[in-house]
């Protein structure tokens, strides 16, 4: 059975299946109630770090919560674009969906790494484990995406020759029919 799925595409779809619902739900909780959503389990380390170490006012903490929600929704958006592009076989064969996956991996890795560092500073061991796991998943897919060999692209001269050969075959067929 021949398939045109690459390992990085399959791994990206699996990551999207985790990150799209999880991070979208967390971001929407922050959007509905910024302070309460910010102090829930997935974001508690960031919230504690900002409130304890930076000693910011409530409105500034709310702005940081919205900024975190915007970052997570951006990652969700890139994963959604990747999944939408991956469903089309012609785009998947040409490798046109790798850019969306790369952007989701880059932004998501930065968010997870920063959250992991903040959790370590605050002393939240469960949050460190959560963010480290997310970071390792994202970095693992990024490594597979970088190491995987590129798709073989047909050379431009071969495409031109095949188009010329097809045109000549059509002309010869027309000449045979006109006798």
Protein backbone atom coordinates (compact mmCIF):
# COMPACT_ATOMS: atom_id res chain seq x y z
CA UNK A 1 0.00 0.00 0.00
CA UNK A 2 1.52 3.27 -1.13
CA UNK A 3 1.01 6.32 1.03
CA UNK A 4 2.16 9.89 0.74
CA UNK A 5 2.13 10.61 4.48
CA UNK A 6 5.46 11.67 5.91
CA UNK A 7 6.42 10.94 9.50
CA UNK A 8 6.44 14.65 10.37
CA UNK A 9 2.96 15.14 8.89
CA UNK A 10 1.54 12.22 10.84
CA UNK A 11 3.28 13.37 14.03
CA UNK A 12 2.02 16.92 13.44
CA UNK A 13 -1.56 15.72 13.12
CA UNK A 14 -1.23 13.81 16.39
CA UNK A 15 0.17 16.92 18.09
CA UNK A 16 -2.66 19.01 16.67
CA UNK A 17 -5.15 16.51 18.10
CA UNK A 18 -3.73 17.30 21.55
CA UNK A 19 -2.91 21.00 21.34
CA UNK A 20 -5.97 22.32 19.48
CA UNK A 21 -8.61 21.31 22.06
CA UNK A 22 -6.37 21.68 25.11
CA UNK A 23 -4.88 25.09 24.42
CA UNK A 24 -8.08 26.45 22.87
CA UNK A 25 -10.04 25.52 25.99
CA UNK A 26 -7.41 27.12 28.25
CA UNK A 27 -7.30 30.28 26.12
CA UNK A 28 -11.09 30.61 26.06
CA UNK A 29 -11.22 30.20 29.85
CA UNK A 30 -8.76 33.10 30.13
CA UNK A 31 -10.80 35.18 27.67
CA UNK A 32 -14.04 34.59 29.61
CA UNK A 33 -12.58 35.27 33.04
CA UNK A 34 -8.98 36.49 32.83
CA UNK A 35 -7.91 36.23 36.46
CA UNK A 36 -9.77 33.01 37.27
CA UNK A 37 -8.66 31.38 34.01
CA UNK A 38 -5.10 32.56 34.59
CA UNK A 39 -4.95 30.87 38.00
CA UNK A 40 -6.20 27.48 36.77
CA UNK A 41 -3.90 24.45 36.68
CA UNK A 42 -2.31 24.86 33.19
CA UNK A 43 -1.42 28.52 33.82
CA UNK A 44 -0.95 28.70 37.57
CA UNK A 45 2.86 28.75 37.38
CA UNK A 46 2.85 31.71 34.98
CA UNK A 47 0.27 33.52 37.10
CA UNK A 48 2.20 32.94 40.34
CA UNK A 49 5.47 34.02 38.75
CA UNK A 50 3.95 37.23 37.40
CA UNK A 51 2.15 38.10 40.60
CA UNK A 52 4.96 37.11 43.01
CA UNK A 53 8.16 38.04 41.21
CA UNK A 54 7.02 40.96 39.08
CA UNK A 55 4.50 42.32 41.62
CA UNK A 56 2.16 43.74 39.00
CA UNK A 57 -1.24 45.32 39.44
CA UNK A 58 -4.42 43.39 38.66
CA UNK A 59 -4.98 45.10 35.29
CA UNK A 60 -1.42 44.33 34.19
CA UNK A 61 -1.83 40.72 35.28
CA UNK A 62 -5.00 40.62 33.21
CA UNK A 63 -3.08 41.93 30.21
CA UNK A 64 -0.44 39.22 30.65
CA UNK A 65 -3.23 36.64 30.85
CA UNK A 66 -4.70 37.91 27.58
CA UNK A 67 -1.25 37.88 26.01
CA UNK A 68 -0.80 34.23 27.04
CA UNK A 69 -4.25 33.41 25.65
CA UNK A 70 -3.38 35.17 22.37
CA UNK A 71 -0.14 33.19 22.11
CA UNK A 72 -1.91 29.90 22.72
CA UNK A 73 -4.66 30.75 20.23
CA UNK A 74 -1.98 31.59 17.66
CA UNK A 75 -0.48 28.13 18.10
CA UNK A 76 -3.96 26.60 17.84
CA UNK A 77 -4.56 28.57 14.65
CA UNK A 78 -1.33 27.38 13.04
CA UNK A 79 -2.09 23.78 14.00
CA UNK A 80 -5.59 24.16 12.51
CA UNK A 81 -4.15 25.54 9.27
CA UNK A 82 -1.69 22.64 9.19
CA UNK A 83 -4.46 20.07 9.64
CA UNK A 84 -6.60 21.77 6.97
CA UNK A 85 -3.71 21.76 4.51
CA UNK A 86 -2.79 18.19 5.36
CA UNK A 87 -6.25 16.92 4.44
CA UNK A 88 -5.62 17.87 0.79
CA UNK A 89 -3.48 15.16 -0.81
CA UNK A 90 -2.08 17.47 -3.49
CA UNK A 91 -0.80 19.97 -0.92
CA UNK A 92 0.49 17.20 1.35
CA UNK A 93 2.41 15.59 -1.55
CA UNK A 94 4.01 18.91 -2.45
CA UNK A 95 5.02 19.58 1.17
CA UNK A 96 3.07 22.84 1.37
CA UNK A 97 1.88 22.34 4.93
CA UNK A 98 5.29 22.18 6.63
CA UNK A 99 5.47 25.95 7.18
CA UNK A 100 2.31 26.05 9.28
CA UNK A 101 3.58 23.13 11.36
CA UNK A 102 6.96 24.81 11.82
CA UNK A 103 5.34 28.05 13.04
CA UNK A 104 3.10 26.17 15.48
CA UNK A 105 6.09 24.25 16.80
CA UNK A 106 8.25 27.36 17.20
CA UNK A 107 5.68 29.51 18.98
CA UNK A 108 4.41 26.61 21.08
CA UNK A 109 7.94 25.67 22.14
CA UNK A 110 8.66 29.22 23.27
CA UNK A 111 5.45 29.35 25.31
CA UNK A 112 6.02 25.92 26.87
CA UNK A 113 9.67 26.65 27.65
CA UNK A 114 8.86 29.99 29.28
CA UNK A 115 6.04 28.38 31.28
CA UNK A 116 8.37 25.57 32.39
CA UNK A 117 11.03 28.03 33.57
CA UNK A 118 8.43 30.08 35.44
CA UNK A 119 7.04 26.92 37.06
CA UNK A 120 10.52 25.93 38.19
CA UNK A 121 11.07 29.39 39.71
CA UNK A 122 7.79 29.24 41.60
CA UNK A 123 8.26 25.63 42.74
CA UNK A 124 5.23 24.06 41.06
CA UNK A 125 6.48 20.54 40.31
CA UNK A 126 3.29 19.37 38.58
CA UNK A 127 3.33 22.41 36.30
CA UNK A 128 7.00 21.78 35.48
CA UNK A 129 6.12 18.22 34.44
CA UNK A 130 3.18 19.41 32.31
CA UNK A 131 5.14 22.09 30.47
CA UNK A 132 8.22 19.89 30.08
CA UNK A 133 6.07 17.16 28.52
CA UNK A 134 4.49 19.64 26.11
CA UNK A 135 7.91 21.06 25.25
CA UNK A 136 9.37 17.61 24.60
CA UNK A 137 6.45 16.70 22.32
CA UNK A 138 6.92 19.91 20.33
CA UNK A 139 10.70 19.57 20.12
CA UNK A 140 10.46 15.91 19.10
CA UNK A 141 8.25 16.81 16.17
CA UNK A 142 10.54 19.71 15.25
CA UNK A 143 13.53 17.37 15.17
CA UNK A 144 11.66 14.88 12.99
CA UNK A 145 10.65 17.73 10.67
CA UNK A 146 14.26 18.91 10.40
CA UNK A 147 15.87 15.48 10.00
CA UNK A 148 13.37 14.03 7.55
CA UNK A 149 14.71 14.23 3.99
CA UNK A 150 12.91 16.64 1.66
CA UNK A 151 10.45 15.39 -0.90
CA UNK A 152 12.00 14.70 -4.29
CA UNK A 153 10.90 17.48 -6.62
CA UNK A 154 10.80 16.82 -10.37
CA UNK A 155 13.45 18.80 -12.19
CA UNK A 156 12.24 21.68 -14.33
CA UNK A 157 13.89 20.28 -17.48
CA UNK A 158 12.13 16.92 -17.00
CA UNK A 159 8.78 18.67 -16.68
CA UNK A 160 9.45 20.68 -19.86
CA UNK A 161 10.52 17.56 -21.77
CA UNK A 162 7.44 15.62 -20.70
CA UNK A 163 5.17 18.50 -21.70
CA UNK A 164 6.88 18.72 -25.10
CA UNK A 165 6.56 14.96 -25.61
CA UNK A 166 2.85 15.10 -24.82
CA UNK A 167 2.32 17.97 -27.27
CA UNK A 168 4.17 16.08 -30.03
CA UNK A 169 2.12 12.95 -29.37
CA UNK A 170 -1.09 14.97 -29.69
CA UNK A 171 0.09 16.56 -32.97
CA UNK A 172 1.01 13.17 -34.43
CA UNK A 173 -2.37 11.75 -33.45
CA UNK A 174 -4.11 14.69 -35.14
CA UNK A 175 -2.05 14.19 -38.31
CA UNK A 176 -2.97 10.50 -38.45
CA UNK A 177 -6.69 11.27 -38.12
CA UNK A 178 -6.63 13.92 -40.88
CA UNK A 179 -5.47 11.55 -43.70
